[in-house]
Amino acid sequence: MKPLTDKRRAELKRLAARPDSEINLSDIPEILQLPSDAVIGKFYRPKKQSVTIRLDSDVLAWLKASGDGYQTRVNSYLRQMMTRKRAS
């Protein structure tokens, strides 16, 4: 990504200072419901942190048996559990 120029930075600050009432939204359709194929959080990329974890060998074998990306799946399973715990 290119660094911001002073001119561009000043323009962005000027725009950010404008009140919401001055934003023209007439060419943007209102979203009344999400499409059925919408993916929530698709572009959300939380910061990753490297950790060491000890897993039972049968659990690790099961994870690796479904192919590459087992660490991503572990993260996904833990995120699902975290989300369920927050909801309850």
PDB file of N, CA and C in Angstrom:
ATOM      1  N   MET A   1       0.841  -1.169   0.000  1.00  0.00           N
ATOM      2  CA  MET A   1       0.000   0.000   0.000  1.00  0.00           C
ATOM      3  C   MET A   1       0.892   1.240   0.000  1.00  0.00           C
ATOM      4  N   LYS A   2       0.527   2.204  -0.810  1.00  0.00           N
ATOM      5  CA  LYS A   2       1.296   3.440  -0.888  1.00  0.00           C
ATOM      6  C   LYS A   2       1.101   4.255   0.385  1.00  0.00           C
ATOM      7  N   PRO A   3       2.161   4.931   0.837  1.00  0.00           N
ATOM      8  CA  PRO A   3       1.987   5.804   2.000  1.00  0.00           C
ATOM      9  C   PRO A   3       1.119   7.008   1.629  1.00  0.00           C
ATOM     10  N   LEU A   4       0.384   7.528   2.615  1.00  0.00           N
ATOM     11  CA  LEU A   4      -0.472   8.679   2.367  1.00  0.00           C
ATOM     12  C   LEU A   4       0.361   9.937   2.159  1.00  0.00           C
ATOM     13  N   THR A   5      -0.033  10.706   1.169  1.00  0.00           N
ATOM     14  CA  THR A   5       0.605  12.013   0.981  1.00  0.00           C
ATOM     15  C   THR A   5      -0.041  12.994   1.952  1.00  0.00           C
ATOM     16  N   ASP A   6       0.643  14.102   2.201  1.00  0.00           N
ATOM     17  CA  ASP A   6       0.082  15.117   3.093  1.00  0.00           C
ATOM     18  C   ASP A   6      -1.234  15.650   2.540  1.00  0.00           C
ATOM     19  N   LYS A   7      -1.309  15.807   1.216  1.00  0.00           N
ATOM     20  CA  LYS A   7      -2.521  16.314   0.574  1.00  0.00           C
ATOM     21  C   LYS A   7      -3.686  15.349   0.798  1.00  0.00           C
ATOM     22  N   ARG A   8      -3.441  14.053   0.592  1.00  0.00           N
ATOM     23  CA  ARG A   8      -4.487  13.043   0.747  1.00  0.00           C
ATOM     24  C   ARG A   8      -4.914  12.926   2.217  1.00  0.00           C
ATOM     25  N   ARG A   9      -3.933  12.993   3.130  1.00  0.00           N
ATOM     26  CA  ARG A   9      -4.222  12.920   4.563  1.00  0.00           C
ATOM     27  C   ARG A   9      -5.122  14.087   4.975  1.00  0.00           C
ATOM     28  N   ALA A  10      -4.837  15.286   4.488  1.00  0.00           N
ATOM     29  CA  ALA A  10      -5.644  16.466   4.802  1.00  0.00           C
ATOM     30  C   ALA A  10      -7.058  16.305   4.251  1.00  0.00           C
ATOM     31  N   GLU A  11      -7.181  15.744   3.039  1.00  0.00           N
ATOM     32  CA  GLU A  11      -8.490  15.525   2.436  1.00  0.00           C
ATOM     33  C   GLU A  11      -9.308  14.530   3.269  1.00  0.00           C
ATOM     34  N   LEU A  12      -8.676  13.453   3.719  1.00  0.00           N
ATOM     35  CA  LEU A  12      -9.370  12.448   4.533  1.00  0.00           C
ATOM     36  C   LEU A  12      -9.805  13.022   5.879  1.00  0.00           C
ATOM     37  N   LYS A  13      -8.968  13.853   6.484  1.00  0.00           N
ATOM     38  CA  LYS A  13      -9.342  14.488   7.755  1.00  0.00           C
ATOM     39  C   LYS A  13     -10.530  15.421   7.553  1.00  0.00           C
ATOM     40  N   ARG A  14     -10.535  16.163   6.435  1.00  0.00           N
ATOM     41  CA  ARG A  14     -11.634  17.070   6.133  1.00  0.00           C
ATOM     42  C   ARG A  14     -12.934  16.285   5.960  1.00  0.00           C
ATOM     43  N   LEU A  15     -12.864  15.157   5.231  1.00  0.00           N
ATOM     44  CA  LEU A  15     -14.050  14.332   5.024  1.00  0.00           C
ATOM     45  C   LEU A  15     -14.542  13.715   6.331  1.00  0.00           C
ATOM     46  N   ALA A  16     -13.626  13.271   7.164  1.00  0.00           N
ATOM     47  CA  ALA A  16     -13.994  12.638   8.437  1.00  0.00           C
ATOM     48  C   ALA A  16     -14.666  13.633   9.378  1.00  0.00           C
ATOM     49  N   ALA A  17     -14.340  14.908   9.230  1.00  0.00           N
ATOM     50  CA  ALA A  17     -14.915  15.932  10.105  1.00  0.00           C
ATOM     51  C   ALA A  17     -16.340  16.310   9.704  1.00  0.00           C
ATOM     52  N   ARG A  18     -16.764  15.943   8.499  1.00  0.00           N
ATOM     53  CA  ARG A  18     -18.120  16.285   8.036  1.00  0.00           C
ATOM     54  C   ARG A  18     -19.153  15.467   8.805  1.00  0.00           C
ATOM     55  N   PRO A  19     -20.293  16.067   9.121  1.00  0.00           N
ATOM     56  CA  PRO A  19     -21.344  15.308   9.824  1.00  0.00           C
ATOM     57  C   PRO A  19     -22.001  14.287   8.895  1.00  0.00           C
ATOM     58  N   ASP A  20     -22.531  13.227   9.474  1.00  0.00           N
ATOM     59  CA  ASP A  20     -23.186  12.172   8.694  1.00  0.00           C
ATOM     60  C   ASP A  20     -24.333  12.713   7.848  1.00  0.00           C
ATOM     61  N   SER A  21     -24.978  13.755   8.322  1.00  0.00           N
ATOM     62  CA  SER A  21     -26.125  14.310   7.590  1.00  0.00           C
ATOM     63  C   SER A  21     -25.735  14.873   6.225  1.00  0.00           C
ATOM     64  N   GLU A  22     -24.450  15.137   6.018  1.00  0.00           N
ATOM     65  CA  GLU A  22     -23.981  15.664   4.735  1.00  0.00           C
ATOM     66  C   GLU A  22     -23.617  14.562   3.742  1.00  0.00           C
ATOM     67  N   ILE A  23     -23.699  13.310   4.155  1.00  0.00           N
ATOM     68  CA  ILE A  23     -23.341  12.201   3.268  1.00  0.00           C
ATOM     69  C   ILE A  23     -24.549  11.847   2.406  1.00  0.00           C
ATOM     70  N   ASN A  24     -24.357  11.854   1.104  1.00  0.00           N
ATOM     71  CA  ASN A  24     -25.432  11.529   0.160  1.00  0.00           C
ATOM     72  C   ASN A  24     -25.450  10.016  -0.055  1.00  0.00           C
ATOM     73  N   LEU A  25     -26.507   9.377   0.410  1.00  0.00           N
ATOM     74  CA  LEU A  25     -26.640   7.924   0.286  1.00  0.00           C
ATOM     75  C   LEU A  25     -27.672   7.527  -0.757  1.00  0.00           C
ATOM     76  N   SER A  26     -28.105   8.472  -1.577  1.00  0.00           N
ATOM     77  CA  SER A  26     -29.209   8.213  -2.508  1.00  0.00           C
ATOM     78  C   SER A  26     -28.887   7.153  -3.558  1.00  0.00           C
ATOM     79  N   ASP A  27     -27.623   6.961  -3.887  1.00  0.00           N
ATOM     80  CA  ASP A  27     -27.283   5.962  -4.903  1.00  0.00           C
ATOM     81  C   ASP A  27     -26.917   4.609  -4.304  1.00  0.00           C
ATOM     82  N   ILE A  28     -27.101   4.454  -2.977  1.00  0.00           N
ATOM     83  CA  ILE A  28     -26.791   3.193  -2.305  1.00  0.00           C
ATOM     84  C   ILE A  28     -28.109   2.577  -1.832  1.00  0.00           C
ATOM     85  N   PRO A  29     -28.477   1.409  -2.363  1.00  0.00           N
ATOM     86  CA  PRO A  29     -29.747   0.814  -1.932  1.00  0.00           C
ATOM     87  C   PRO A  29     -29.673   0.344  -0.482  1.00  0.00           C
ATOM     88  N   GLU A  30     -30.772   0.492   0.226  1.00  0.00           N
ATOM     89  CA  GLU A  30     -30.834   0.040   1.604  1.00  0.00           C
ATOM     90  C   GLU A  30     -30.908  -1.483   1.632  1.00  0.00           C
ATOM     91  N   ILE A  31     -30.143  -2.096   2.530  1.00  0.00           N
ATOM     92  CA  ILE A  31     -30.156  -3.551   2.672  1.00  0.00           C
ATOM     93  C   ILE A  31     -31.197  -3.897   3.734  1.00  0.00           C
ATOM     94  N   LEU A  32     -32.285  -4.516   3.296  1.00  0.00           N
ATOM     95  CA  LEU A  32     -33.353  -4.876   4.228  1.00  0.00           C
ATOM     96  C   LEU A  32     -33.148  -6.248   4.833  1.00  0.00           C
ATOM     97  N   GLN A  33     -32.483  -7.153   4.098  1.00  0.00           N
ATOM     98  CA  GLN A  33     -32.121  -8.455   4.645  1.00  0.00           C
ATOM     99  C   GLN A  33     -30.896  -8.963   3.906  1.00  0.00           C
ATOM    100  N   LEU A  34     -30.118  -9.779   4.597  1.00  0.00           N
ATOM    101  CA  LEU A  34     -28.899 -10.304   3.993  1.00  0.00           C
ATOM    102  C   LEU A  34     -29.240 -11.363   2.962  1.00  0.00           C
ATOM    103  N   PRO A  35     -28.499 -11.377   1.838  1.00  0.00           N
ATOM    104  CA  PRO A  35     -28.720 -12.436   0.852  1.00  0.00           C
ATOM    105  C   PRO A  35     -28.383 -13.806   1.453  1.00  0.00           C
ATOM    106  N   SER A  36     -28.968 -14.843   0.921  1.00  0.00           N
ATOM    107  CA  SER A  36     -28.765 -16.185   1.476  1.00  0.00           C
ATOM    108  C   SER A  36     -27.317 -16.661   1.345  1.00  0.00           C
ATOM    109  N   ASP A  37     -26.575 -16.118   0.371  1.00  0.00           N
ATOM    110  CA  ASP A  37     -25.187 -16.538   0.186  1.00  0.00           C
ATOM    111  C   ASP A  37     -24.188 -15.595   0.855  1.00  0.00           C
ATOM    112  N   ALA A  38     -24.673 -14.680   1.707  1.00  0.00           N
ATOM    113  CA  ALA A  38     -23.793 -13.734   2.389  1.00  0.00           C
ATOM    114  C   ALA A  38     -22.894 -14.469   3.379  1.00  0.00           C
ATOM    115  N   VAL A  39     -21.657 -14.022   3.479  1.00  0.00           N
ATOM    116  CA  VAL A  39     -20.702 -14.608   4.414  1.00  0.00           C
ATOM    117  C   VAL A  39     -20.315 -13.525   5.410  1.00  0.00           C
ATOM    118  N   ILE A  40     -20.664 -13.723   6.661  1.00  0.00           N
ATOM    119  CA  ILE A  40     -20.357 -12.757   7.703  1.00  0.00           C
ATOM    120  C   ILE A  40     -18.889 -12.892   8.095  1.00  0.00           C
ATOM    121  N   GLY A  41     -18.197 -11.771   8.145  1.00  0.00           N
ATOM    122  CA  GLY A  41     -16.805 -11.769   8.585  1.00  0.00           C
ATOM    123  C   GLY A  41     -15.813 -12.305   7.569  1.00  0.00           C
ATOM    124  N   LYS A  42     -16.179 -12.351   6.295  1.00  0.00           N
ATOM    125  CA  LYS A  42     -15.304 -12.928   5.280  1.00  0.00           C
ATOM    126  C   LYS A  42     -13.958 -12.212   5.210  1.00  0.00           C
ATOM    127  N   PHE A  43     -13.967 -10.900   5.389  1.00  0.00           N
ATOM    128  CA  PHE A  43     -12.740 -10.134   5.243  1.00  0.00           C
ATOM    129  C   PHE A  43     -12.123  -9.763   6.589  1.00  0.00           C
ATOM    130  N   TYR A  44     -12.697 -10.298   7.648  1.00  0.00           N
ATOM    131  CA  TYR A  44     -12.156 -10.048   8.978  1.00  0.00           C
ATOM    132  C   TYR A  44     -10.930 -10.926   9.174  1.00  0.00           C
ATOM    133  N   ARG A  45      -9.807 -10.327   9.437  1.00  0.00           N
ATOM    134  CA  ARG A  45      -8.565 -11.073   9.631  1.00  0.00           C
ATOM    135  C   ARG A  45      -7.961 -10.707  10.986  1.00  0.00           C
ATOM    136  N   PRO A  46      -8.323 -11.449  12.033  1.00  0.00           N
ATOM    137  CA  PRO A  46      -7.749 -11.115  13.335  1.00  0.00           C
ATOM    138  C   PRO A  46      -6.250 -11.389  13.346  1.00  0.00           C
ATOM    139  N   LYS A  47      -5.560 -10.680  14.202  1.00  0.00           N
ATOM    140  CA  LYS A  47      -4.120 -10.872  14.346  1.00  0.00           C
ATOM    141  C   LYS A  47      -3.867 -12.289  14.855  1.00  0.00           C
ATOM    142  N   LYS A  48      -2.920 -12.961  14.258  1.00  0.00           N
ATOM    143  CA  LYS A  48      -2.582 -14.331  14.662  1.00  0.00           C
ATOM    144  C   LYS A  48      -1.416 -14.302  15.642  1.00  0.00           C
ATOM    145  N   GLN A  49      -1.399 -15.278  16.512  1.00  0.00           N
ATOM    146  CA  GLN A  49      -0.320 -15.413  17.475  1.00  0.00           C
ATOM    147  C   GLN A  49       0.136 -16.865  17.467  1.00  0.00           C
ATOM    148  N   SER A  50       1.420 -17.060  17.389  1.00  0.00           N
ATOM    149  CA  SER A  50       1.971 -18.404  17.368  1.00  0.00           C
ATOM    150  C   SER A  50       2.010 -18.964  18.790  1.00  0.00           C
ATOM    151  N   VAL A  51       1.515 -20.204  18.939  1.00  0.00           N
ATOM    152  CA  VAL A  51       1.511 -20.857  20.244  1.00  0.00           C
ATOM    153  C   VAL A  51       1.954 -22.304  20.078  1.00  0.00           C
ATOM    154  N   THR A  52       2.335 -22.892  21.179  1.00  0.00           N
ATOM    155  CA  THR A  52       2.616 -24.330  21.201  1.00  0.00           C
ATOM    156  C   THR A  52       1.517 -24.982  22.016  1.00  0.00           C
ATOM    157  N   ILE A  53       0.955 -26.051  21.469  1.00  0.00           N
ATOM    158  CA  ILE A  53      -0.144 -26.731  22.147  1.00  0.00           C
ATOM    159  C   ILE A  53       0.116 -28.233  22.097  1.00  0.00           C
ATOM    160  N   ARG A  54      -0.213 -28.913  23.165  1.00  0.00           N
ATOM    161  CA  ARG A  54      -0.026 -30.361  23.208  1.00  0.00           C
ATOM    162  C   ARG A  54      -1.386 -31.007  23.032  1.00  0.00           C
ATOM    163  N   LEU A  55      -1.512 -31.825  21.994  1.00  0.00           N
ATOM    164  CA  LEU A  55      -2.761 -32.518  21.695  1.00  0.00           C
ATOM    165  C   LEU A  55      -2.542 -34.017  21.799  1.00  0.00           C
ATOM    166  N   ASP A  56      -3.583 -34.742  22.122  1.00  0.00           N
ATOM    167  CA  ASP A  56      -3.503 -36.200  22.109  1.00  0.00           C
ATOM    168  C   ASP A  56      -3.216 -36.635  20.678  1.00  0.00           C
ATOM    169  N   SER A  57      -2.421 -37.688  20.531  1.00  0.00           N
ATOM    170  CA  SER A  57      -1.996 -38.115  19.198  1.00  0.00           C
ATOM    171  C   SER A  57      -3.170 -38.547  18.324  1.00  0.00           C
ATOM    172  N   ASP A  58      -4.207 -39.139  18.912  1.00  0.00           N
ATOM    173  CA  ASP A  58      -5.347 -39.539  18.099  1.00  0.00           C
ATOM    174  C   ASP A  58      -6.145 -38.326  17.610  1.00  0.00           C
ATOM    175  N   VAL A  59      -6.202 -37.274  18.426  1.00  0.00           N
ATOM    176  CA  VAL A  59      -6.889 -36.043  18.014  1.00  0.00           C
ATOM    177  C   VAL A  59      -6.124 -35.392  16.868  1.00  0.00           C
ATOM    178  N   LEU A  60      -4.807 -35.327  17.002  1.00  0.00           N
ATOM    179  CA  LEU A  60      -3.984 -34.739  15.948  1.00  0.00           C
ATOM    180  C   LEU A  60      -4.090 -35.555  14.658  1.00  0.00           C
ATOM    181  N   ALA A  61      -4.073 -36.866  14.764  1.00  0.00           N
ATOM    182  CA  ALA A  61      -4.210 -37.720  13.583  1.00  0.00           C
ATOM    183  C   ALA A  61      -5.556 -37.476  12.899  1.00  0.00           C
ATOM    184  N   TRP A  62      -6.621 -37.330  13.676  1.00  0.00           N
ATOM    185  CA  TRP A  62      -7.943 -37.064  13.116  1.00  0.00           C
ATOM    186  C   TRP A  62      -7.967 -35.730  12.380  1.00  0.00           C
ATOM    187  N   LEU A  63      -7.353 -34.716  12.983  1.00  0.00           N
ATOM    188  CA  LEU A  63      -7.313 -33.397  12.344  1.00  0.00           C
ATOM    189  C   LEU A  63      -6.535 -33.443  11.030  1.00  0.00           C
ATOM    190  N   LYS A  64      -5.375 -34.082  11.056  1.00  0.00           N
ATOM    191  CA  LYS A  64      -4.528 -34.136   9.861  1.00  0.00           C
ATOM    192  C   LYS A  64      -5.118 -35.032   8.776  1.00  0.00           C
ATOM    193  N   ALA A  65      -5.951 -35.995   9.154  1.00  0.00           N
ATOM    194  CA  ALA A  65      -6.526 -36.926   8.182  1.00  0.00           C
ATOM    195  C   ALA A  65      -7.447 -36.230   7.192  1.00  0.00           C
ATOM    196  N   SER A  66      -8.016 -35.096   7.592  1.00  0.00           N
ATOM    197  CA  SER A  66      -8.908 -34.405   6.664  1.00  0.00           C
ATOM    198  C   SER A  66      -8.178 -33.440   5.749  1.00  0.00           C
ATOM    199  N   GLY A  67      -6.852 -33.526   5.717  1.00  0.00           N
ATOM    200  CA  GLY A  67      -6.084 -32.753   4.736  1.00  0.00           C
ATOM    201  C   GLY A  67      -5.390 -31.532   5.320  1.00  0.00           C
ATOM    202  N   ASP A  68      -4.776 -30.780   4.402  1.00  0.00           N
ATOM    203  CA  ASP A  68      -4.057 -29.576   4.802  1.00  0.00           C
ATOM    204  C   ASP A  68      -5.004 -28.589   5.472  1.00  0.00           C
ATOM    205  N   GLY A  69      -4.437 -27.722   6.274  1.00  0.00           N
ATOM    206  CA  GLY A  69      -5.226 -26.702   6.939  1.00  0.00           C
ATOM    207  C   GLY A  69      -5.764 -27.125   8.281  1.00  0.00           C
ATOM    208  N   TYR A  70      -5.154 -28.124   8.896  1.00  0.00           N
ATOM    209  CA  TYR A  70      -5.695 -28.599  10.170  1.00  0.00           C
ATOM    210  C   TYR A  70      -5.587 -27.536  11.255  1.00  0.00           C
ATOM    211  N   GLN A  71      -4.563 -26.684  11.203  1.00  0.00           N
ATOM    212  CA  GLN A  71      -4.440 -25.631  12.213  1.00  0.00           C
ATOM    213  C   GLN A  71      -5.572 -24.614  12.064  1.00  0.00           C
ATOM    214  N   THR A  72      -5.935 -24.335  10.825  1.00  0.00           N
ATOM    215  CA  THR A  72      -7.059 -23.429  10.566  1.00  0.00           C
ATOM    216  C   THR A  72      -8.346 -24.045  11.097  1.00  0.00           C
ATOM    217  N   ARG A  73      -8.509 -25.352  10.921  1.00  0.00           N
ATOM    218  CA  ARG A  73      -9.704 -26.019  11.435  1.00  0.00           C
ATOM    219  C   ARG A  73      -9.733 -25.998  12.960  1.00  0.00           C
ATOM    220  N   VAL A  74      -8.589 -26.204  13.607  1.00  0.00           N
ATOM    221  CA  VAL A  74      -8.529 -26.124  15.070  1.00  0.00           C
ATOM    222  C   VAL A  74      -8.986 -24.731  15.505  1.00  0.00           C
ATOM    223  N   ASN A  75      -8.489 -23.704  14.836  1.00  0.00           N
ATOM    224  CA  ASN A  75      -8.870 -22.334  15.165  1.00  0.00           C
ATOM    225  C   ASN A  75     -10.376 -22.135  14.971  1.00  0.00           C
ATOM    226  N   SER A  76     -10.905 -22.676  13.889  1.00  0.00           N
ATOM    227  CA  SER A  76     -12.332 -22.551  13.598  1.00  0.00           C
ATOM    228  C   SER A  76     -13.171 -23.250  14.667  1.00  0.00           C
ATOM    229  N   TYR A  77     -12.773 -24.460  15.057  1.00  0.00           N
ATOM    230  CA  TYR A  77     -13.504 -25.200  16.088  1.00  0.00           C
ATOM    231  C   TYR A  77     -13.491 -24.426  17.410  1.00  0.00           C
ATOM    232  N   LEU A  78     -12.338 -23.879  17.760  1.00  0.00           N
ATOM    233  CA  LEU A  78     -12.242 -23.120  19.005  1.00  0.00           C
ATOM    234  C   LEU A  78     -13.063 -21.836  18.934  1.00  0.00           C
ATOM    235  N   ARG A  79     -13.066 -21.182  17.767  1.00  0.00           N
ATOM    236  CA  ARG A  79     -13.865 -19.960  17.603  1.00  0.00           C
ATOM    237  C   ARG A  79     -15.349 -20.272  17.740  1.00  0.00           C
ATOM    238  N   GLN A  80     -15.799 -21.414  17.171  1.00  0.00           N
ATOM    239  CA  GLN A  80     -17.208 -21.806  17.301  1.00  0.00           C
ATOM    240  C   GLN A  80     -17.567 -22.014  18.768  1.00  0.00           C
ATOM    241  N   MET A  81     -16.687 -22.680  19.497  1.00  0.00           N
ATOM    242  CA  MET A  81     -16.925 -22.933  20.913  1.00  0.00           C
ATOM    243  C   MET A  81     -16.961 -21.607  21.682  1.00  0.00           C
ATOM    244  N   MET A  82     -16.033 -20.695  21.371  1.00  0.00           N
ATOM    245  CA  MET A  82     -15.987 -19.396  22.026  1.00  0.00           C
ATOM    246  C   MET A  82     -17.276 -18.618  21.764  1.00  0.00           C
ATOM    247  N   THR A  83     -17.764 -18.655  20.524  1.00  0.00           N
ATOM    248  CA  THR A  83     -18.984 -17.949  20.158  1.00  0.00           C
ATOM    249  C   THR A  83     -20.187 -18.518  20.901  1.00  0.00           C
ATOM    250  N   ARG A  84     -20.261 -19.839  20.996  1.00  0.00           N
ATOM    251  CA  ARG A  84     -21.365 -20.467  21.726  1.00  0.00           C
ATOM    252  C   ARG A  84     -21.341 -20.085  23.204  1.00  0.00           C
ATOM    253  N   LYS A  85     -20.151 -20.055  23.790  1.00  0.00           N
ATOM    254  CA  LYS A  85     -20.021 -19.707  25.218  1.00  0.00           C
ATOM    255  C   LYS A  85     -20.448 -18.265  25.455  1.00  0.00           C
ATOM    256  N   ARG A  86     -20.088 -17.365  24.521  1.00  0.00           N
ATOM    257  CA  ARG A  86     -20.473 -15.953  24.651  1.00  0.00           C
ATOM    258  C   ARG A  86     -21.982 -15.791  24.548  1.00  0.00           C
ATOM    259  N   ALA A  87     -22.622 -16.595  23.712  1.00  0.00           N
ATOM    260  CA  ALA A  87     -24.065 -16.480  23.486  1.00  0.00           C
ATOM    261  C   ALA A  87     -24.870 -16.983  24.687  1.00  0.00           C
ATOM    262  N   SER A  88     -24.270 -17.869  25.479  1.00  0.00           N
ATOM    263  CA  SER A  88     -25.044 -18.428  26.603  1.00  0.00           C
ATOM    264  C   SER A  88     -24.859 -17.643  27.881  1.00  0.00           C
TER     265      SER A  88
END
